[in-house]
Amino acid sequence: MVSNTSATGTITITDDDPLPILTISNETETEGTSLVFTLTLSNPSSVDTVVILNTNEGTAISPEDYVSITNLTVTIPAGQTTLTVSSITSEDDDIDETDEDFTLNGIVTSNNTDNSTATGIGTIVDGDNP
């Protein structure tokens, strides 16, 4: 006699892909232009990566040298690894000065990266003749 029974089982697939690491590029531009930063994930995430961005003064002072940003929320969509941010404009002035810098700080709020913060440095090159 032949039996019509079928065997069933459960297979578990363990996700062993590493969590992505967020980095923010360092950018240098001449005063009076926008600084375009790139946020990069080391590998794609299966969910959106949400980052809150803030600038912090260094030798560059806001609003004299650049337009700061506070709590700008940006999203790297699931499956993507880069996003550009061009929201920071440097101010053109007639003052002969040394190059100045500030930081762009990112805080990951989506909890899907190996690091929770990242920082990029923005350098504003003086465009005035001595």
N, C-alpha and C. Protein backbone atom coordinates (compact mmCIF):
# COMPACT_ATOMS: atom_id res chain seq x y z
N MET A 1 0.84 -1.16 0.00
CA MET A 1 0.00 0.00 0.00
C MET A 1 0.90 1.25 0.00
N VAL A 2 0.52 2.23 -0.80
CA VAL A 2 1.28 3.47 -0.93
C VAL A 2 0.56 4.57 -0.17
N SER A 3 1.31 5.31 0.59
CA SER A 3 0.72 6.40 1.39
C SER A 3 0.98 7.73 0.69
N ASN A 4 0.01 8.62 0.71
CA ASN A 4 0.15 9.94 0.10
C ASN A 4 0.46 11.01 1.15
N THR A 5 1.42 10.79 1.94
CA THR A 5 1.80 11.81 2.94
C THR A 5 2.99 12.59 2.42
N SER A 6 3.06 13.83 2.78
CA SER A 6 4.20 14.65 2.37
C SER A 6 4.88 15.19 3.63
N ALA A 7 6.17 15.29 3.52
CA ALA A 7 6.95 15.80 4.65
C ALA A 7 7.04 17.32 4.54
N THR A 8 6.92 17.99 5.66
CA THR A 8 7.08 19.44 5.70
C THR A 8 8.18 19.78 6.69
N GLY A 9 8.75 20.93 6.49
CA GLY A 9 9.80 21.39 7.39
C GLY A 9 9.92 22.89 7.35
N THR A 10 10.67 23.41 8.25
CA THR A 10 10.89 24.86 8.32
C THR A 10 12.37 25.14 8.09
N ILE A 11 12.62 26.10 7.24
CA ILE A 11 14.00 26.53 6.98
C ILE A 11 14.13 27.97 7.47
N THR A 12 15.17 28.23 8.23
CA THR A 12 15.44 29.59 8.70
C THR A 12 16.68 30.11 7.99
N ILE A 13 16.53 31.27 7.36
CA ILE A 13 17.66 31.92 6.71
C ILE A 13 18.12 33.07 7.61
N THR A 14 19.32 32.96 8.09
CA THR A 14 19.86 33.98 8.98
C THR A 14 20.53 35.07 8.15
N ASP A 15 20.13 36.31 8.39
CA ASP A 15 20.75 37.46 7.71
C ASP A 15 22.10 37.71 8.36
N ASP A 16 23.17 37.39 7.62
CA ASP A 16 24.50 37.60 8.17
C ASP A 16 25.23 38.75 7.48
N ASP A 17 24.47 39.56 6.72
CA ASP A 17 25.08 40.74 6.10
C ASP A 17 25.39 41.76 7.18
N PRO A 18 26.55 42.39 7.09
CA PRO A 18 26.89 43.39 8.11
C PRO A 18 26.00 44.63 7.97
N LEU A 19 25.76 45.28 9.10
CA LEU A 19 25.03 46.54 9.05
C LEU A 19 25.89 47.56 8.30
N PRO A 20 25.26 48.43 7.52
CA PRO A 20 26.05 49.44 6.81
C PRO A 20 26.65 50.47 7.77
N ILE A 21 27.72 51.09 7.33
CA ILE A 21 28.36 52.18 8.07
C ILE A 21 28.13 53.46 7.27
N LEU A 22 27.64 54.50 7.94
CA LEU A 22 27.40 55.79 7.30
C LEU A 22 28.65 56.65 7.38
N THR A 23 29.00 57.28 6.24
CA THR A 23 30.05 58.29 6.23
C THR A 23 29.52 59.54 5.54
N ILE A 24 30.12 60.67 5.88
CA ILE A 24 29.80 61.95 5.23
C ILE A 24 31.10 62.49 4.64
N SER A 25 31.06 62.88 3.39
CA SER A 25 32.26 63.35 2.69
C SER A 25 32.76 64.67 3.27
N ASN A 26 34.07 64.91 3.08
CA ASN A 26 34.66 66.23 3.34
C ASN A 26 34.59 67.00 2.03
N GLU A 27 34.22 68.26 2.08
CA GLU A 27 34.06 69.05 0.87
C GLU A 27 34.78 70.38 0.98
N THR A 28 35.31 70.86 -0.13
CA THR A 28 36.01 72.14 -0.20
C THR A 28 35.47 72.91 -1.39
N GLU A 29 35.05 74.15 -1.15
CA GLU A 29 34.55 75.01 -2.22
C GLU A 29 34.99 76.46 -1.96
N THR A 30 35.03 77.24 -3.02
CA THR A 30 35.34 78.67 -2.91
C THR A 30 34.13 79.40 -2.36
N GLU A 31 34.39 80.43 -1.54
CA GLU A 31 33.28 81.17 -0.92
C GLU A 31 32.32 81.69 -1.99
N GLY A 32 31.04 81.71 -1.62
CA GLY A 32 30.00 82.16 -2.53
C GLY A 32 29.34 81.02 -3.30
N THR A 33 29.72 79.79 -3.02
CA THR A 33 29.14 78.64 -3.70
C THR A 33 28.53 77.68 -2.68
N SER A 34 27.81 76.69 -3.18
CA SER A 34 27.25 75.66 -2.30
C SER A 34 28.25 74.54 -2.10
N LEU A 35 28.29 74.01 -0.90
CA LEU A 35 29.09 72.83 -0.62
C LEU A 35 28.17 71.63 -0.74
N VAL A 36 28.54 70.68 -1.58
CA VAL A 36 27.71 69.50 -1.84
C VAL A 36 28.36 68.31 -1.14
N PHE A 37 27.71 67.84 -0.09
CA PHE A 37 28.20 66.71 0.69
C PHE A 37 27.53 65.43 0.20
N THR A 38 28.26 64.32 0.29
CA THR A 38 27.71 63.02 -0.06
C THR A 38 27.64 62.15 1.19
N LEU A 39 26.46 61.64 1.47
CA LEU A 39 26.27 60.66 2.54
C LEU A 39 26.35 59.29 1.87
N THR A 40 27.16 58.41 2.43
CA THR A 40 27.39 57.10 1.82
C THR A 40 27.22 55.99 2.84
N LEU A 41 26.52 54.94 2.44
CA LEU A 41 26.43 53.71 3.23
C LEU A 41 27.43 52.72 2.65
N SER A 42 28.13 52.00 3.50
CA SER A 42 29.13 51.03 3.04
C SER A 42 28.51 49.88 2.26
N ASN A 43 27.27 49.57 2.50
CA ASN A 43 26.52 48.58 1.75
C ASN A 43 25.04 48.94 1.88
N PRO A 44 24.21 48.49 0.93
CA PRO A 44 22.79 48.87 0.98
C PRO A 44 22.09 48.32 2.22
N SER A 45 21.08 49.05 2.65
CA SER A 45 20.23 48.61 3.75
C SER A 45 18.89 48.18 3.16
N SER A 46 18.23 47.25 3.82
CA SER A 46 16.93 46.78 3.34
C SER A 46 15.80 47.72 3.74
N VAL A 47 16.12 48.69 4.58
CA VAL A 47 15.13 49.70 5.00
C VAL A 47 15.72 51.09 4.79
N ASP A 48 14.85 52.10 4.73
CA ASP A 48 15.32 53.48 4.59
C ASP A 48 16.24 53.85 5.74
N THR A 49 17.29 54.61 5.42
CA THR A 49 18.21 55.12 6.44
C THR A 49 17.90 56.60 6.62
N VAL A 50 17.43 56.97 7.81
CA VAL A 50 17.03 58.34 8.10
C VAL A 50 18.12 59.00 8.94
N VAL A 51 18.55 60.19 8.48
CA VAL A 51 19.65 60.91 9.13
C VAL A 51 19.22 62.35 9.39
N ILE A 52 19.50 62.84 10.57
CA ILE A 52 19.27 64.26 10.89
C ILE A 52 20.62 64.97 10.81
N LEU A 53 20.66 66.06 10.03
CA LEU A 53 21.89 66.80 9.80
C LEU A 53 21.89 68.14 10.51
N ASN A 54 23.06 68.49 11.05
CA ASN A 54 23.29 69.79 11.68
C ASN A 54 24.70 70.25 11.36
N THR A 55 24.86 71.56 11.21
CA THR A 55 26.21 72.09 11.05
C THR A 55 26.69 72.64 12.39
N ASN A 56 28.00 72.61 12.57
CA ASN A 56 28.63 73.20 13.74
C ASN A 56 29.79 74.07 13.31
N GLU A 57 29.87 75.23 13.91
CA GLU A 57 30.93 76.17 13.56
C GLU A 57 32.30 75.63 13.92
N GLY A 58 33.26 75.94 13.07
CA GLY A 58 34.67 75.73 13.36
C GLY A 58 35.30 77.10 13.28
N THR A 59 36.21 77.30 12.33
CA THR A 59 36.72 78.65 12.09
C THR A 59 35.75 79.44 11.23
N ALA A 60 34.87 78.76 10.51
CA ALA A 60 33.80 79.42 9.75
C ALA A 60 32.62 79.66 10.70
N ILE A 61 32.11 80.87 10.67
CA ILE A 61 31.04 81.29 11.58
C ILE A 61 29.77 81.54 10.76
N SER A 62 28.65 81.04 11.27
CA SER A 62 27.36 81.28 10.62
C SER A 62 26.68 82.46 11.31
N PRO A 63 26.09 83.40 10.60
CA PRO A 63 25.82 83.44 9.16
C PRO A 63 26.85 84.22 8.35
N GLU A 64 27.93 84.69 8.98
CA GLU A 64 28.92 85.49 8.24
C GLU A 64 29.60 84.72 7.12
N ASP A 65 29.90 83.43 7.36
CA ASP A 65 30.67 82.66 6.39
C ASP A 65 29.85 81.61 5.63
N TYR A 66 28.77 81.12 6.22
CA TYR A 66 27.95 80.10 5.57
C TYR A 66 26.56 80.10 6.21
N VAL A 67 25.61 79.50 5.49
CA VAL A 67 24.26 79.36 6.00
C VAL A 67 24.16 78.00 6.68
N SER A 68 23.95 78.01 7.99
CA SER A 68 23.92 76.76 8.75
C SER A 68 22.59 76.03 8.54
N ILE A 69 22.61 74.75 8.89
CA ILE A 69 21.37 73.97 8.89
C ILE A 69 21.19 73.35 10.27
N THR A 70 19.94 73.22 10.65
CA THR A 70 19.60 72.63 11.95
C THR A 70 18.47 71.63 11.76
N ASN A 71 18.72 70.42 12.21
CA ASN A 71 17.70 69.36 12.18
C ASN A 71 17.09 69.13 10.80
N LEU A 72 17.94 69.08 9.78
CA LEU A 72 17.49 68.75 8.43
C LEU A 72 17.42 67.22 8.33
N THR A 73 16.23 66.69 8.09
CA THR A 73 16.05 65.25 7.97
C THR A 73 16.16 64.83 6.52
N VAL A 74 17.06 63.89 6.26
CA VAL A 74 17.24 63.34 4.91
C VAL A 74 17.12 61.82 4.99
N THR A 75 16.80 61.20 3.85
CA THR A 75 16.60 59.75 3.81
C THR A 75 17.36 59.15 2.65
N ILE A 76 18.17 58.13 2.96
CA ILE A 76 18.77 57.30 1.92
C ILE A 76 17.80 56.13 1.73
N PRO A 77 17.16 56.04 0.56
CA PRO A 77 16.14 54.99 0.37
C PRO A 77 16.74 53.58 0.47
N ALA A 78 15.91 52.65 0.91
CA ALA A 78 16.32 51.24 0.98
C ALA A 78 16.90 50.80 -0.36
N GLY A 79 18.00 50.07 -0.31
CA GLY A 79 18.65 49.58 -1.52
C GLY A 79 19.63 50.54 -2.14
N GLN A 80 19.62 51.81 -1.72
CA GLN A 80 20.55 52.81 -2.24
C GLN A 80 21.73 52.97 -1.28
N THR A 81 22.83 53.52 -1.77
CA THR A 81 24.00 53.70 -0.90
C THR A 81 24.49 55.14 -0.81
N THR A 82 23.95 56.05 -1.61
CA THR A 82 24.42 57.45 -1.55
C THR A 82 23.26 58.43 -1.63
N LEU A 83 23.54 59.60 -1.09
CA LEU A 83 22.61 60.73 -1.16
C LEU A 83 23.45 61.99 -1.11
N THR A 84 23.16 62.96 -1.99
CA THR A 84 23.88 64.23 -1.94
C THR A 84 23.02 65.29 -1.28
N VAL A 85 23.70 66.16 -0.54
CA VAL A 85 23.05 67.25 0.18
C VAL A 85 23.75 68.54 -0.22
N SER A 86 23.00 69.46 -0.81
CA SER A 86 23.59 70.73 -1.26
C SER A 86 22.92 71.92 -0.59
N SER A 87 22.49 71.75 0.65
CA SER A 87 21.74 72.78 1.35
C SER A 87 22.60 73.82 2.05
N ILE A 88 23.93 73.71 1.93
CA ILE A 88 24.81 74.60 2.68
C ILE A 88 25.53 75.53 1.70
N THR A 89 25.23 76.81 1.78
CA THR A 89 25.82 77.81 0.90
C THR A 89 26.81 78.65 1.69
N SER A 90 27.98 78.85 1.11
CA SER A 90 28.95 79.73 1.74
C SER A 90 28.69 81.17 1.27
N GLU A 91 29.04 82.11 2.13
CA GLU A 91 28.80 83.52 1.84
C GLU A 91 30.05 84.13 1.19
N ASP A 92 29.84 84.91 0.13
CA ASP A 92 30.93 85.61 -0.52
C ASP A 92 31.11 86.96 0.16
N ASP A 93 32.34 87.27 0.52
CA ASP A 93 32.62 88.57 1.13
C ASP A 93 33.85 89.18 0.48
N ASP A 94 34.18 90.40 0.84
CA ASP A 94 35.34 91.09 0.27
C ASP A 94 36.51 91.11 1.24
N ILE A 95 36.48 90.23 2.22
CA ILE A 95 37.52 90.19 3.24
C ILE A 95 38.57 89.16 2.83
N ASP A 96 39.84 89.60 2.80
CA ASP A 96 40.93 88.65 2.54
C ASP A 96 41.19 87.89 3.83
N GLU A 97 40.99 86.59 3.80
CA GLU A 97 41.10 85.80 5.03
C GLU A 97 41.63 84.42 4.70
N THR A 98 41.99 83.68 5.73
CA THR A 98 42.43 82.30 5.52
C THR A 98 41.21 81.42 5.26
N ASP A 99 41.47 80.22 4.76
CA ASP A 99 40.39 79.27 4.55
C ASP A 99 39.76 78.96 5.90
N GLU A 100 38.45 78.69 5.88
CA GLU A 100 37.71 78.44 7.11
C GLU A 100 36.94 77.14 6.99
N ASP A 101 36.61 76.54 8.14
CA ASP A 101 35.90 75.27 8.09
C ASP A 101 34.77 75.18 9.11
N PHE A 102 33.91 74.20 8.88
CA PHE A 102 32.81 73.87 9.78
C PHE A 102 32.57 72.37 9.64
N THR A 103 31.76 71.80 10.50
CA THR A 103 31.44 70.37 10.39
C THR A 103 29.97 70.17 10.05
N LEU A 104 29.72 69.10 9.33
CA LEU A 104 28.37 68.63 9.06
C LEU A 104 28.23 67.32 9.82
N ASN A 105 27.35 67.30 10.80
CA ASN A 105 27.16 66.14 11.66
C ASN A 105 25.84 65.46 11.32
N GLY A 106 25.89 64.14 11.24
CA GLY A 106 24.71 63.35 10.97
C GLY A 106 24.41 62.39 12.10
N ILE A 107 23.15 62.29 12.47
CA ILE A 107 22.69 61.35 13.49
C ILE A 107 21.70 60.41 12.82
N VAL A 108 22.00 59.11 12.84
CA VAL A 108 21.11 58.11 12.24
C VAL A 108 19.98 57.83 13.23
N THR A 109 18.74 58.09 12.80
CA THR A 109 17.59 57.87 13.68
C THR A 109 16.83 56.59 13.35
N SER A 110 17.19 55.94 12.25
CA SER A 110 16.48 54.73 11.83
C SER A 110 17.07 53.46 12.45
N ASN A 111 18.17 53.59 13.19
CA ASN A 111 18.78 52.46 13.91
C ASN A 111 19.12 51.27 13.01
N ASN A 112 19.56 51.53 11.79
CA ASN A 112 19.89 50.43 10.88
C ASN A 112 21.31 50.53 10.34
N THR A 113 22.19 51.20 11.08
CA THR A 113 23.60 51.27 10.71
C THR A 113 24.45 50.82 11.88
N ASP A 114 25.70 50.49 11.59
CA ASP A 114 26.62 50.05 12.63
C ASP A 114 27.08 51.22 13.50
N ASN A 115 27.05 52.43 12.92
CA ASN A 115 27.39 53.64 13.67
C ASN A 115 26.16 54.53 13.74
N SER A 116 26.05 55.31 14.81
CA SER A 116 24.87 56.17 14.97
C SER A 116 25.16 57.61 14.57
N THR A 117 26.43 57.96 14.37
CA THR A 117 26.79 59.32 13.97
C THR A 117 27.88 59.28 12.91
N ALA A 118 27.96 60.37 12.14
CA ALA A 118 29.02 60.55 11.15
C ALA A 118 29.26 62.04 11.00
N THR A 119 30.47 62.41 10.60
CA THR A 119 30.84 63.82 10.47
C THR A 119 31.64 64.05 9.19
N GLY A 120 31.33 65.14 8.52
CA GLY A 120 32.12 65.60 7.37
C GLY A 120 32.60 67.01 7.65
N ILE A 121 33.69 67.39 7.03
CA ILE A 121 34.26 68.73 7.22
C ILE A 121 34.05 69.54 5.94
N GLY A 122 33.49 70.74 6.10
CA GLY A 122 33.35 71.66 4.99
C GLY A 122 34.41 72.74 5.09
N THR A 123 35.17 72.93 4.02
CA THR A 123 36.21 73.96 3.98
C THR A 123 35.81 75.01 2.96
N ILE A 124 35.83 76.26 3.39
CA ILE A 124 35.49 77.40 2.54
C ILE A 124 36.80 78.10 2.19
N VAL A 125 37.13 78.10 0.90
CA VAL A 125 38.36 78.70 0.42
C VAL A 125 38.10 80.17 0.11
N ASP A 126 38.95 81.03 0.63
CA ASP A 126 38.81 82.47 0.38
C ASP A 126 38.98 82.76 -1.11
N GLY A 127 38.09 83.57 -1.64
CA GLY A 127 38.14 83.92 -3.06
C GLY A 127 38.59 85.33 -3.33
N ASP A 128 39.10 86.01 -2.31
CA ASP A 128 39.50 87.42 -2.46
C ASP A 128 41.01 87.54 -2.65
N ASN A 129 41.39 88.53 -3.44
CA ASN A 129 42.80 88.81 -3.64
C ASN A 129 43.34 89.58 -2.45
N PRO A 130 44.59 89.28 -2.07
CA PRO A 130 45.17 90.03 -0.94
C PRO A 130 45.39 91.50 -1.27
